[in-house]
Structure formats: C-alpha cells, structure tokens
PDB file of N, CA and C in Angstrom:
ATOM      1  N   MET A   1      34.920  17.581 -56.067  1.00  0.00           N
ATOM      2  CA  MET A   1      36.067  17.423 -54.864  1.00  0.00           C
ATOM      3  C   MET A   1      35.490  18.350 -53.876  1.00  0.00           C
ATOM      4  N   ALA A   2      35.551  17.846 -52.305  1.00  0.00           N
ATOM      5  CA  ALA A   2      35.472  18.399 -51.298  1.00  0.00           C
ATOM      6  C   ALA A   2      36.750  19.475 -50.978  1.00  0.00           C
ATOM      7  N   ASN A   3      36.164  20.253 -50.358  1.00  0.00           N
ATOM      8  CA  ASN A   3      36.345  21.437 -49.790  1.00  0.00           C
ATOM      9  C   ASN A   3      37.352  20.801 -48.798  1.00  0.00           C
ATOM     10  N   GLU A   4      38.552  20.998 -48.637  1.00  0.00           N
ATOM     11  CA  GLU A   4      39.896  20.980 -47.525  1.00  0.00           C
ATOM     12  C   GLU A   4      39.572  22.099 -46.372  1.00  0.00           C
ATOM     13  N   VAL A   5      39.597  21.707 -45.333  1.00  0.00           N
ATOM     14  CA  VAL A   5      40.028  23.008 -44.224  1.00  0.00           C
ATOM     15  C   VAL A   5      41.059  22.726 -43.902  1.00  0.00           C
ATOM     16  N   ALA A   6      41.944  23.896 -43.785  1.00  0.00           N
ATOM     17  CA  ALA A   6      43.587  23.926 -42.645  1.00  0.00           C
ATOM     18  C   ALA A   6      42.739  23.516 -41.467  1.00  0.00           C
ATOM     19  N   GLY A   7      44.057  23.167 -40.949  1.00  0.00           N
ATOM     20  CA  GLY A   7      43.917  23.057 -39.538  1.00  0.00           C
ATOM     21  C   GLY A   7      44.480  22.044 -39.161  1.00  0.00           C
ATOM     22  N   ASN A   8      44.564  21.646 -37.718  1.00  0.00           N
ATOM     23  CA  ASN A   8      45.584  20.482 -37.062  1.00  0.00           C
ATOM     24  C   ASN A   8      44.694  19.849 -36.310  1.00  0.00           C
ATOM     25  N   LEU A   9      44.902  18.333 -35.811  1.00  0.00           N
ATOM     26  CA  LEU A   9      44.201  17.584 -35.431  1.00  0.00           C
ATOM     27  C   LEU A   9      45.176  16.504 -34.731  1.00  0.00           C
ATOM     28  N   ILE A  10      44.753  17.587 -33.351  1.00  0.00           N
ATOM     29  CA  ILE A  10      45.313  16.557 -32.244  1.00  0.00           C
ATOM     30  C   ILE A  10      45.163  15.291 -31.512  1.00  0.00           C
ATOM     31  N   VAL A  11      45.290  14.517 -31.127  1.00  0.00           N
ATOM     32  CA  VAL A  11      44.898  13.636 -30.756  1.00  0.00           C
ATOM     33  C   VAL A  11      45.811  13.236 -29.577  1.00  0.00           C
ATOM     34  N   SER A  12      45.043  12.946 -27.985  1.00  0.00           N
ATOM     35  CA  SER A  12      45.535  13.106 -26.893  1.00  0.00           C
ATOM     36  C   SER A  12      46.174  12.075 -26.745  1.00  0.00           C
ATOM     37  N   GLU A  13      47.270  11.965 -25.788  1.00  0.00           N
ATOM     38  CA  GLU A  13      47.917  10.827 -25.178  1.00  0.00           C
ATOM     39  C   GLU A  13      47.306   9.605 -24.640  1.00  0.00           C
ATOM     40  N   ASP A  14      45.970  10.177 -24.015  1.00  0.00           N
ATOM     41  CA  ASP A  14      45.319   8.783 -23.398  1.00  0.00           C
ATOM     42  C   ASP A  14      44.347   8.495 -24.558  1.00  0.00           C
ATOM     43  N   VAL A  15      43.993   9.193 -25.529  1.00  0.00           N
ATOM     44  CA  VAL A  15      43.586   8.055 -26.482  1.00  0.00           C
ATOM     45  C   VAL A  15      44.163   7.162 -27.319  1.00  0.00           C
ATOM     46  N   LEU A  16      45.805   7.574 -27.229  1.00  0.00           N
ATOM     47  CA  LEU A  16      46.558   6.504 -28.072  1.00  0.00           C
ATOM     48  C   LEU A  16      47.126   5.451 -26.886  1.00  0.00           C
ATOM     49  N   ALA A  17      46.929   5.749 -25.544  1.00  0.00           N
ATOM     50  CA  ALA A  17      47.255   4.949 -24.296  1.00  0.00           C
ATOM     51  C   ALA A  17      46.018   3.852 -24.916  1.00  0.00           C
ATOM     52  N   ASP A  18      44.536   4.528 -24.725  1.00  0.00           N
ATOM     53  CA  ASP A  18      43.749   3.143 -24.548  1.00  0.00           C
ATOM     54  C   ASP A  18      43.676   2.443 -25.813  1.00  0.00           C
ATOM     55  N   VAL A  19      43.941   3.406 -27.035  1.00  0.00           N
ATOM     56  CA  VAL A  19      43.806   2.072 -28.325  1.00  0.00           C
ATOM     57  C   VAL A  19      45.097   1.031 -28.374  1.00  0.00           C
ATOM     58  N   ALA A  20      46.305   1.481 -27.945  1.00  0.00           N
ATOM     59  CA  ALA A  20      47.572   0.712 -27.909  1.00  0.00           C
ATOM     60  C   ALA A  20      47.106  -0.244 -26.688  1.00  0.00           C
ATOM     61  N   GLY A  21      46.691   0.051 -25.647  1.00  0.00           N
ATOM     62  CA  GLY A  21      45.832  -1.569 -24.567  1.00  0.00           C
ATOM     63  C   GLY A  21      45.205  -2.066 -25.083  1.00  0.00           C
ATOM     64  N   HIS A  22      44.117  -1.701 -25.953  1.00  0.00           N
ATOM     65  CA  HIS A  22      43.374  -2.531 -26.589  1.00  0.00           C
ATOM     66  C   HIS A  22      43.734  -3.507 -27.421  1.00  0.00           C
ATOM     67  N   ALA A  23      44.846  -2.603 -28.264  1.00  0.00           N
ATOM     68  CA  ALA A  23      45.287  -3.718 -29.184  1.00  0.00           C
ATOM     69  C   ALA A  23      46.170  -4.497 -28.365  1.00  0.00           C
ATOM     70  N   ALA A  24      47.195  -4.492 -27.520  1.00  0.00           N
ATOM     71  CA  ALA A  24      47.940  -5.101 -26.620  1.00  0.00           C
ATOM     72  C   ALA A  24      46.882  -6.275 -25.990  1.00  0.00           C
ATOM     73  N   LEU A  25      45.555  -6.116 -25.632  1.00  0.00           N
ATOM     74  CA  LEU A  25      45.319  -7.813 -25.071  1.00  0.00           C
ATOM     75  C   LEU A  25      44.521  -8.491 -26.492  1.00  0.00           C
ATOM     76  N   GLN A  26      44.512  -8.097 -27.397  1.00  0.00           N
ATOM     77  CA  GLN A  26      44.061  -8.975 -28.520  1.00  0.00           C
ATOM     78  C   GLN A  26      45.115  -9.833 -28.901  1.00  0.00           C
ATOM     79  N   CYS A  27      46.684  -9.672 -28.576  1.00  0.00           N
ATOM     80  CA  CYS A  27      47.479 -10.711 -28.927  1.00  0.00           C
ATOM     81  C   CYS A  27      47.450 -11.526 -28.057  1.00  0.00           C
ATOM     82  N   TYR A  28      47.931 -12.780 -29.268  1.00  0.00           N
ATOM     83  CA  TYR A  28      48.153 -14.138 -28.147  1.00  0.00           C
ATOM     84  C   TYR A  28      48.937 -14.295 -26.726  1.00  0.00           C
ATOM     85  N   GLY A  29      48.387 -14.584 -25.623  1.00  0.00           N
ATOM     86  CA  GLY A  29      49.500 -14.930 -24.909  1.00  0.00           C
ATOM     87  C   GLY A  29      49.785 -13.389 -23.492  1.00  0.00           C
ATOM     88  N   VAL A  30      48.536 -12.535 -24.136  1.00  0.00           N
ATOM     89  CA  VAL A  30      49.017 -11.600 -22.673  1.00  0.00           C
ATOM     90  C   VAL A  30      47.327 -11.440 -22.125  1.00  0.00           C
ATOM     91  N   VAL A  31      47.499 -12.021 -20.926  1.00  0.00           N
ATOM     92  CA  VAL A  31      46.965 -11.984 -20.057  1.00  0.00           C
ATOM     93  C   VAL A  31      46.189 -10.555 -19.362  1.00  0.00           C
ATOM     94  N   GLY A  32      46.975  -9.686 -19.426  1.00  0.00           N
ATOM     95  CA  GLY A  32      46.636  -8.558 -19.096  1.00  0.00           C
ATOM     96  C   GLY A  32      47.966  -7.555 -18.828  1.00  0.00           C
ATOM     97  N   MET A  33      47.122  -6.199 -18.377  1.00  0.00           N
ATOM     98  CA  MET A  33      48.323  -4.914 -18.522  1.00  0.00           C
ATOM     99  C   MET A  33      48.394  -4.928 -16.712  1.00  0.00           C
ATOM    100  N   ALA A  34      49.887  -4.261 -16.725  1.00  0.00           N
ATOM    101  CA  ALA A  34      50.356  -4.441 -15.386  1.00  0.00           C
ATOM    102  C   ALA A  34      50.672  -2.774 -15.196  1.00  0.00           C
ATOM    103  N   ALA A  35      50.580  -2.521 -14.112  1.00  0.00           N
ATOM    104  CA  ALA A  35      50.584  -1.346 -13.077  1.00  0.00           C
ATOM    105  C   ALA A  35      52.013  -0.466 -13.631  1.00  0.00           C
ATOM    106  N   SER A  36      52.404   0.201 -14.521  1.00  0.00           N
ATOM    107  CA  SER A  36      53.485   1.188 -14.982  1.00  0.00           C
ATOM    108  C   SER A  36      54.442   1.466 -14.344  1.00  0.00           C
ATOM    109  N   ASN A  37      54.123   1.824 -12.764  1.00  0.00           N
ATOM    110  CA  ASN A  37      55.078   2.731 -11.544  1.00  0.00           C
ATOM    111  C   ASN A  37      54.713   2.170 -10.512  1.00  0.00           C
ATOM    112  N   THR A  38      54.662   0.293 -10.295  1.00  0.00           N
ATOM    113  CA  THR A  38      54.975  -0.296  -9.600  1.00  0.00           C
ATOM    114  C   THR A  38      56.134  -0.011  -8.977  1.00  0.00           C
ATOM    115  N   VAL A  39      56.309   0.320  -8.069  1.00  0.00           N
ATOM    116  CA  VAL A  39      58.024   0.705  -7.083  1.00  0.00           C
ATOM    117  C   VAL A  39      58.389  -0.629  -6.407  1.00  0.00           C
ATOM    118  N   ASP A  40      57.224  -1.597  -5.727  1.00  0.00           N
ATOM    119  CA  ASP A  40      58.101  -2.665  -5.062  1.00  0.00           C
ATOM    120  C   ASP A  40      58.298  -3.680  -6.295  1.00  0.00           C
ATOM    121  N   ALA A  41      57.941  -3.407  -7.272  1.00  0.00           N
ATOM    122  CA  ALA A  41      58.289  -4.677  -8.322  1.00  0.00           C
ATOM    123  C   ALA A  41      57.190  -5.976  -8.029  1.00  0.00           C
ATOM    124  N   ILE A  42      56.094  -6.020  -7.914  1.00  0.00           N
ATOM    125  CA  ILE A  42      55.250  -6.942  -8.027  1.00  0.00           C
ATOM    126  C   ILE A  42      54.100  -6.358  -8.878  1.00  0.00           C
ATOM    127  N   ALA A  43      54.025  -7.340  -9.756  1.00  0.00           N
ATOM    128  CA  ALA A  43      53.342  -7.199 -11.206  1.00  0.00           C
ATOM    129  C   ALA A  43      51.506  -6.969 -10.432  1.00  0.00           C
ATOM    130  N   LYS A  44      50.989  -6.496 -10.856  1.00  0.00           N
ATOM    131  CA  LYS A  44      49.503  -6.156 -10.200  1.00  0.00           C
ATOM    132  C   LYS A  44      48.845  -6.212 -11.710  1.00  0.00           C
ATOM    133  N   LEU A  45      47.835  -7.033 -11.570  1.00  0.00           N
ATOM    134  CA  LEU A  45      47.203  -7.106 -12.914  1.00  0.00           C
ATOM    135  C   LEU A  45      46.050  -6.471 -12.738  1.00  0.00           C
ATOM    136  N   LEU A  46      45.638  -5.737 -13.522  1.00  0.00           N
ATOM    137  CA  LEU A  46      45.003  -4.527 -13.890  1.00  0.00           C
ATOM    138  C   LEU A  46      43.549  -5.180 -14.678  1.00  0.00           C
ATOM    139  N   PRO A  47      42.586  -4.587 -13.794  1.00  0.00           N
ATOM    140  CA  PRO A  47      41.214  -4.884 -14.813  1.00  0.00           C
ATOM    141  C   PRO A  47      41.296  -4.751 -15.952  1.00  0.00           C
ATOM    142  N   ASN A  48      40.880  -5.445 -17.276  1.00  0.00           N
ATOM    143  CA  ASN A  48      40.350  -4.771 -18.863  1.00  0.00           C
ATOM    144  C   ASN A  48      39.714  -3.043 -18.757  1.00  0.00           C
ATOM    145  N   SER A  49      39.086  -3.034 -17.662  1.00  0.00           N
ATOM    146  CA  SER A  49      39.001  -1.184 -17.852  1.00  0.00           C
ATOM    147  C   SER A  49      40.035  -0.439 -17.550  1.00  0.00           C
ATOM    148  N   CYS A  50      41.005  -0.508 -17.308  1.00  0.00           N
ATOM    149  CA  CYS A  50      42.099   0.033 -17.013  1.00  0.00           C
ATOM    150  C   CYS A  50      43.638   0.223 -17.943  1.00  0.00           C
ATOM    151  N   LEU A  51      43.085   0.060 -19.109  1.00  0.00           N
ATOM    152  CA  LEU A  51      44.421  -0.333 -20.238  1.00  0.00           C
ATOM    153  C   LEU A  51      44.756   0.765 -20.293  1.00  0.00           C
ATOM    154  N   ARG A  52      44.703   2.011 -19.886  1.00  0.00           N
ATOM    155  CA  ARG A  52      45.514   3.190 -19.843  1.00  0.00           C
ATOM    156  C   ARG A  52      46.614   3.092 -19.146  1.00  0.00           C
ATOM    157  N   ARG A  53      46.556   2.644 -17.907  1.00  0.00           N
ATOM    158  CA  ARG A  53      47.538   2.446 -16.460  1.00  0.00           C
ATOM    159  C   ARG A  53      48.390   1.617 -17.030  1.00  0.00           C
ATOM    160  N   GLY A  54      48.166   0.891 -17.899  1.00  0.00           N
ATOM    161  CA  GLY A  54      49.633   0.145 -18.554  1.00  0.00           C
ATOM    162  C   GLY A  54      50.167   0.441 -19.659  1.00  0.00           C
ATOM    163  N   VAL A  55      49.972   1.590 -19.744  1.00  0.00           N
ATOM    164  CA  VAL A  55      50.625   2.017 -21.344  1.00  0.00           C
ATOM    165  C   VAL A  55      51.128   3.576 -21.085  1.00  0.00           C
ATOM    166  N   VAL A  56      52.102   3.182 -21.540  1.00  0.00           N
ATOM    167  CA  VAL A  56      53.038   4.808 -20.834  1.00  0.00           C
ATOM    168  C   VAL A  56      53.149   5.255 -22.482  1.00  0.00           C
ATOM    169  N   VAL A  57      52.824   6.673 -22.821  1.00  0.00           N
ATOM    170  CA  VAL A  57      53.076   6.951 -24.360  1.00  0.00           C
ATOM    171  C   VAL A  57      53.797   8.463 -23.753  1.00  0.00           C
ATOM    172  N   SER A  58      54.962   8.570 -24.498  1.00  0.00           N
ATOM    173  CA  SER A  58      55.366  10.053 -24.216  1.00  0.00           C
ATOM    174  C   SER A  58      55.625  10.624 -25.898  1.00  0.00           C
ATOM    175  N   THR A  59      55.581  11.673 -26.330  1.00  0.00           N
ATOM    176  CA  THR A  59      55.674  12.498 -27.062  1.00  0.00           C
ATOM    177  C   THR A  59      56.499  13.930 -27.209  1.00  0.00           C
ATOM    178  N   ASP A  60      57.865  13.552 -28.291  1.00  0.00           N
ATOM    179  CA  ASP A  60      58.304  14.608 -28.288  1.00  0.00           C
ATOM    180  C   ASP A  60      58.550  15.216 -29.470  1.00  0.00           C
ATOM    181  N   GLU A  61      59.770  16.251 -30.085  1.00  0.00           N
ATOM    182  CA  GLU A  61      59.749  16.798 -31.167  1.00  0.00           C
ATOM    183  C   GLU A  61      60.411  15.079 -32.031  1.00  0.00           C
ATOM    184  N   GLU A  62      60.277  14.277 -31.687  1.00  0.00           N
ATOM    185  CA  GLU A  62      61.019  13.325 -32.700  1.00  0.00           C
ATOM    186  C   GLU A  62      60.046  12.749 -32.952  1.00  0.00           C
ATOM    187  N   GLY A  63      58.710  12.551 -32.214  1.00  0.00           N
ATOM    188  CA  GLY A  63      57.917  11.327 -32.285  1.00  0.00           C
ATOM    189  C   GLY A  63      57.111  11.013 -31.140  1.00  0.00           C
ATOM    190  N   THR A  64      56.398   9.800 -31.285  1.00  0.00           N
ATOM    191  CA  THR A  64      55.506   9.243 -30.256  1.00  0.00           C
ATOM    192  C   THR A  64      56.540   7.938 -29.799  1.00  0.00           C
ATOM    193  N   LEU A  65      56.444   7.758 -28.402  1.00  0.00           N
ATOM    194  CA  LEU A  65      57.093   6.288 -27.948  1.00  0.00           C
ATOM    195  C   LEU A  65      55.863   5.871 -26.742  1.00  0.00           C
ATOM    196  N   VAL A  66      55.927   4.319 -27.636  1.00  0.00           N
ATOM    197  CA  VAL A  66      54.878   3.672 -26.247  1.00  0.00           C
ATOM    198  C   VAL A  66      55.415   2.833 -25.513  1.00  0.00           C
ATOM    199  N   SER A  67      54.993   2.803 -24.213  1.00  0.00           N
ATOM    200  CA  SER A  67      56.014   1.772 -23.435  1.00  0.00           C
ATOM    201  C   SER A  67      54.924   0.753 -22.879  1.00  0.00           C
ATOM    202  N   LEU A  68      54.308  -0.296 -23.239  1.00  0.00           N
ATOM    203  CA  LEU A  68      53.568  -1.668 -22.604  1.00  0.00           C
ATOM    204  C   LEU A  68      54.291  -2.451 -21.335  1.00  0.00           C
ATOM    205  N   TYR A  69      53.262  -2.113 -20.364  1.00  0.00           N
ATOM    206  CA  TYR A  69      53.455  -3.157 -18.973  1.00  0.00           C
ATOM    207  C   TYR A  69      52.825  -4.440 -19.241  1.00  0.00           C
ATOM    208  N   VAL A  70      53.148  -5.253 -19.572  1.00  0.00           N
ATOM    209  CA  VAL A  70      51.946  -6.607 -19.690  1.00  0.00           C
ATOM    210  C   VAL A  70      52.203  -7.927 -18.653  1.00  0.00           C
ATOM    211  N   ILE A  71      51.690  -8.420 -18.363  1.00  0.00           N
ATOM    212  CA  ILE A  71      51.747  -9.497 -18.054  1.00  0.00           C
ATOM    213  C   ILE A  71      51.549 -10.642 -19.202  1.00  0.00           C
ATOM    214  N   LEU A  72      52.207 -11.409 -18.867  1.00  0.00           N
ATOM    215  CA  LEU A  72      51.667 -12.963 -20.320  1.00  0.00           C
ATOM    216  C   LEU A  72      51.392 -14.134 -19.320  1.00  0.00           C
ATOM    217  N   GLU A  73      51.105 -15.385 -20.062  1.00  0.00           N
ATOM    218  CA  GLU A  73      50.306 -16.150 -20.166  1.00  0.00           C
ATOM    219  C   GLU A  73      52.098 -16.920 -19.687  1.00  0.00           C
ATOM    220  N   HIS A  74      51.471 -18.004 -18.745  1.00  0.00           N
ATOM    221  CA  HIS A  74      52.685 -18.923 -18.866  1.00  0.00           C
ATOM    222  C   HIS A  74      52.897 -20.126 -19.791  1.00  0.00           C
ATOM    223  N   GLY A  75      54.306 -20.388 -20.019  1.00  0.00           N
ATOM    224  CA  GLY A  75      54.270 -21.023 -21.758  1.00  0.00           C
ATOM    225  C   GLY A  75      54.458 -20.716 -22.896  1.00  0.00           C
ATOM    226  N   VAL A  76      54.100 -19.516 -23.090  1.00  0.00           N
ATOM    227  CA  VAL A  76      54.120 -19.101 -24.371  1.00  0.00           C
ATOM    228  C   VAL A  76      55.783 -18.249 -24.444  1.00  0.00           C
ATOM    229  N   ASN A  77      56.446 -17.864 -25.795  1.00  0.00           N
ATOM    230  CA  ASN A  77      57.410 -17.601 -25.526  1.00  0.00           C
ATOM    231  C   ASN A  77      57.833 -15.894 -26.262  1.00  0.00           C
ATOM    232  N   ILE A  78      58.463 -15.477 -24.676  1.00  0.00           N
ATOM    233  CA  ILE A  78      58.572 -14.168 -24.695  1.00  0.00           C
ATOM    234  C   ILE A  78      58.940 -13.327 -25.659  1.00  0.00           C
ATOM    235  N   ASN A  79      59.756 -13.669 -26.456  1.00  0.00           N
ATOM    236  CA  ASN A  79      60.363 -13.282 -27.464  1.00  0.00           C
ATOM    237  C   ASN A  79      59.535 -13.033 -28.634  1.00  0.00           C
ATOM    238  N   VAL A  80      58.243 -13.686 -29.206  1.00  0.00           N
ATOM    239  CA  VAL A  80      57.505 -14.209 -30.167  1.00  0.00           C
ATOM    240  C   VAL A  80      56.379 -12.618 -29.675  1.00  0.00           C
ATOM    241  N   VAL A  81      55.490 -13.153 -28.637  1.00  0.00           N
ATOM    242  CA  VAL A  81      54.660 -12.887 -27.935  1.00  0.00           C
ATOM    243  C   VAL A  81      55.024 -10.948 -27.857  1.00  0.00           C
ATOM    244  N   SER A  82      56.285 -10.606 -27.344  1.00  0.00           N
ATOM    245  CA  SER A  82      56.854  -9.454 -27.748  1.00  0.00           C
ATOM    246  C   SER A  82      56.727  -8.991 -28.570  1.00  0.00           C
ATOM    247  N   ASN A  83      57.364  -9.639 -30.432  1.00  0.00           N
ATOM    248  CA  ASN A  83      57.444  -8.865 -31.445  1.00  0.00           C
ATOM    249  C   ASN A  83      55.910  -8.982 -31.861  1.00  0.00           C
ATOM    250  N   ASN A  84      55.088  -9.831 -31.591  1.00  0.00           N
ATOM    251  CA  ASN A  84      53.747  -9.638 -31.754  1.00  0.00           C
ATOM    252  C   ASN A  84      53.012  -8.400 -31.437  1.00  0.00           C
ATOM    253  N   LEU A  85      53.323  -8.307 -29.844  1.00  0.00           N
ATOM    254  CA  LEU A  85      52.860  -6.876 -29.186  1.00  0.00           C
ATOM    255  C   LEU A  85      53.075  -5.699 -30.070  1.00  0.00           C
ATOM    256  N   VAL A  86      54.989  -5.443 -30.286  1.00  0.00           N
ATOM    257  CA  VAL A  86      54.791  -4.750 -31.614  1.00  0.00           C
ATOM    258  C   VAL A  86      54.558  -4.065 -32.339  1.00  0.00           C
ATOM    259  N   ASP A  87      54.414  -5.114 -33.482  1.00  0.00           N
ATOM    260  CA  ASP A  87      53.804  -5.172 -34.628  1.00  0.00           C
ATOM    261  C   ASP A  87      52.476  -4.658 -34.449  1.00  0.00           C
ATOM    262  N   GLN A  88      51.460  -5.824 -33.542  1.00  0.00           N
ATOM    263  CA  GLN A  88      50.135  -5.411 -33.437  1.00  0.00           C
ATOM    264  C   GLN A  88      50.142  -3.684 -33.200  1.00  0.00           C
ATOM    265  N   VAL A  89      50.810  -3.310 -32.059  1.00  0.00           N
ATOM    266  CA  VAL A  89      50.421  -1.951 -31.508  1.00  0.00           C
ATOM    267  C   VAL A  89      50.879  -1.162 -32.430  1.00  0.00           C
ATOM    268  N   SER A  90      51.843  -1.593 -33.408  1.00  0.00           N
ATOM    269  CA  SER A  90      52.399  -0.549 -34.331  1.00  0.00           C
ATOM    270  C   SER A  90      50.796  -0.085 -35.110  1.00  0.00           C
ATOM    271  N   PHE A  91      50.731  -1.672 -35.577  1.00  0.00           N
ATOM    272  CA  PHE A  91      49.633  -1.258 -36.850  1.00  0.00           C
ATOM    273  C   PHE A  91      48.431  -0.110 -36.188  1.00  0.00           C
ATOM    274  N   ALA A  92      47.705  -0.611 -34.522  1.00  0.00           N
ATOM    275  CA  ALA A  92      46.937   0.349 -34.572  1.00  0.00           C
ATOM    276  C   ALA A  92      46.845   1.421 -34.247  1.00  0.00           C
ATOM    277  N   LEU A  93      47.970   1.734 -34.399  1.00  0.00           N
ATOM    278  CA  LEU A  93      48.338   3.268 -34.204  1.00  0.00           C
ATOM    279  C   LEU A  93      48.740   4.347 -35.398  1.00  0.00           C
ATOM    280  N   LYS A  94      48.914   3.057 -36.457  1.00  0.00           N
ATOM    281  CA  LYS A  94      49.350   4.254 -37.446  1.00  0.00           C
ATOM    282  C   LYS A  94      48.507   4.729 -38.318  1.00  0.00           C
ATOM    283  N   ASP A  95      46.870   4.367 -38.396  1.00  0.00           N
ATOM    284  CA  ASP A  95      46.434   5.863 -38.596  1.00  0.00           C
ATOM    285  C   ASP A  95      45.936   6.622 -37.883  1.00  0.00           C
ATOM    286  N   PHE A  96      46.742   6.996 -36.151  1.00  0.00           N
ATOM    287  CA  PHE A  96      46.342   7.970 -35.624  1.00  0.00           C
ATOM    288  C   PHE A  96      47.393   8.889 -35.901  1.00  0.00           C
ATOM    289  N   ILE A  97      49.015   8.606 -35.876  1.00  0.00           N
ATOM    290  CA  ILE A  97      49.865   8.813 -35.940  1.00  0.00           C
ATOM    291  C   ILE A  97      50.991   8.969 -37.046  1.00  0.00           C
ATOM    292  N   GLN A  98      50.223   8.662 -37.760  1.00  0.00           N
ATOM    293  CA  GLN A  98      50.821   8.041 -39.071  1.00  0.00           C
ATOM    294  C   GLN A  98      52.343   8.063 -39.182  1.00  0.00           C
ATOM    295  N   ASP A  99      53.747   8.706 -39.436  1.00  0.00           N
ATOM    296  CA  ASP A  99      55.112   8.267 -39.091  1.00  0.00           C
ATOM    297  C   ASP A  99      55.760   8.851 -37.995  1.00  0.00           C
ATOM    298  N   SER A 100      54.824   9.477 -37.036  1.00  0.00           N
ATOM    299  CA  SER A 100      55.811   9.582 -36.114  1.00  0.00           C
ATOM    300  C   SER A 100      56.248   9.268 -34.948  1.00  0.00           C
ATOM    301  N   LEU A 101      55.617   7.434 -35.249  1.00  0.00           N
ATOM    302  CA  LEU A 101      55.815   6.658 -34.017  1.00  0.00           C
ATOM    303  C   LEU A 101      57.469   6.394 -34.150  1.00  0.00           C
ATOM    304  N   LYS A 102      57.845   6.550 -32.948  1.00  0.00           N
ATOM    305  CA  LYS A 102      59.377   6.476 -32.313  1.00  0.00           C
ATOM    306  C   LYS A 102      59.601   4.726 -32.534  1.00  0.00           C
ATOM    307  N   GLY A 103      57.999   4.371 -31.348  1.00  0.00           N
ATOM    308  CA  GLY A 103      58.936   2.460 -31.174  1.00  0.00           C
ATOM    309  C   GLY A 103      58.069   2.282 -30.031  1.00  0.00           C
ATOM    310  N   VAL A 104      57.465   1.017 -29.924  1.00  0.00           N
ATOM    311  CA  VAL A 104      56.917   0.453 -28.990  1.00  0.00           C
ATOM    312  C   VAL A 104      57.654  -0.385 -28.488  1.00  0.00           C
ATOM    313  N   ASP A 105      57.770  -0.451 -26.822  1.00  0.00           N
ATOM    314  CA  ASP A 105      58.952  -0.954 -25.861  1.00  0.00           C
ATOM    315  C   ASP A 105      57.477  -2.070 -24.862  1.00  0.00           C
ATOM    316  N   VAL A 106      58.412  -2.926 -24.723  1.00  0.00           N
ATOM    317  CA  VAL A 106      57.602  -4.061 -24.442  1.00  0.00           C
ATOM    318  C   VAL A 106      58.352  -4.252 -23.106  1.00  0.00           C
ATOM    319  N   HIS A 107      57.388  -4.171 -21.855  1.00  0.00           N
ATOM    320  CA  HIS A 107      58.321  -4.594 -20.483  1.00  0.00           C
ATOM    321  C   HIS A 107      57.552  -5.625 -20.218  1.00  0.00           C
ATOM    322  N   VAL A 108      57.104  -7.050 -19.567  1.00  0.00           N
ATOM    323  CA  VAL A 108      57.003  -7.828 -19.251  1.00  0.00           C
ATOM    324  C   VAL A 108      57.155  -7.646 -17.963  1.00  0.00           C
ATOM    325  N   GLN A 109      56.149  -8.063 -16.984  1.00  0.00           N
ATOM    326  CA  GLN A 109      56.382  -7.418 -15.383  1.00  0.00           C
ATOM    327  C   GLN A 109      55.972  -8.700 -14.428  1.00  0.00           C
ATOM    328  N   GLY A 110      55.224  -9.588 -15.832  1.00  0.00           N
ATOM    329  CA  GLY A 110      55.270 -10.924 -14.896  1.00  0.00           C
ATOM    330  C   GLY A 110      54.496 -11.844 -15.858  1.00  0.00           C
ATOM    331  N   ILE A 111      54.387 -13.329 -15.144  1.00  0.00           N
ATOM    332  CA  ILE A 111      53.773 -14.325 -16.178  1.00  0.00           C
ATOM    333  C   ILE A 111      52.833 -15.106 -15.075  1.00  0.00           C
ATOM    334  N   LYS A 112      51.939 -15.056 -15.260  1.00  0.00           N
ATOM    335  CA  LYS A 112      50.707 -15.715 -15.093  1.00  0.00           C
ATOM    336  C   LYS A 112      50.270 -17.138 -15.516  1.00  0.00           C
ATOM    337  N   VAL A 113      49.502 -18.128 -14.684  1.00  0.00           N
ATOM    338  CA  VAL A 113      49.115 -19.023 -15.034  1.00  0.00           C
ATOM    339  C   VAL A 113      47.426 -18.949 -15.472  1.00  0.00           C
ATOM    340  N   ARG A 114      46.913 -19.158 -16.349  1.00  0.00           N
ATOM    341  CA  ARG A 114      45.304 -19.052 -16.415  1.00  0.00           C
ATOM    342  C   ARG A 114      44.614 -20.067 -15.971  1.00  0.00           C
ATOM    343  N   PRO A 115      43.715 -19.560 -15.383  1.00  0.00           N
ATOM    344  CA  PRO A 115      42.776 -21.301 -14.796  1.00  0.00           C
ATOM    345  C   PRO A 115      42.339 -21.826 -15.940  1.00  0.00           C
TER     346      PRO A 115
END
C-alpha cells in the first residue's frame, strides 16, 4: 500500500475557469464565450484562447459558484443548451472541487448565426 502524505491541494480559480470554459465550448449550440464585464451590454465574442474571461469563479465557505457568459447559435433551444452547459461543466469540475460545487449559472449574452 502506498504511503499517504498529509496536506492540502489548492486549485486556483483560474484553473477552474479554464476547465469550465473548455467544457462549455464542447457543448452543442455554444458559439463562444462572451466578456463577463460588458458595461454597455453588447456581447463581444472572445477568441477561444480567452476562455477564462467568459467564466467567473467565486469561492466562499459554502462552496464554489461558476458563472458562464456564453453566446449561443441561432435556432437552438436556449433552455436545453443551458441545461446541457450546467451538466457538462458540473461533470468537468467534479474531480477538481468534488462536493463543494454550489452551482453553475449560465448567462446568455447573445445569439449568433454561424456562417
């Protein structure tokens, strides 16, 4: 049997945001991530290299809350895609934060027609 070493493993919120952003882009109907701090309410499609800018991770004593800011494809069922996003991101993060995931919030910032 392997020796166990006591200690804590702390995962950065940036790592969680990257994992959540990657999982979100794998969902059908998601065109991309949007900036989460848009003051003028105009959804700006971010390049795929900027995943964490479309994800806000907040951690407190109760657990971790993930907020996704996404742009969806025109013609998809927003409710179904949002539920799939919650399931996909929750599944991707469960190994990192185990039981402390409070929830995943989906904020649809816009609809885009794919060329």
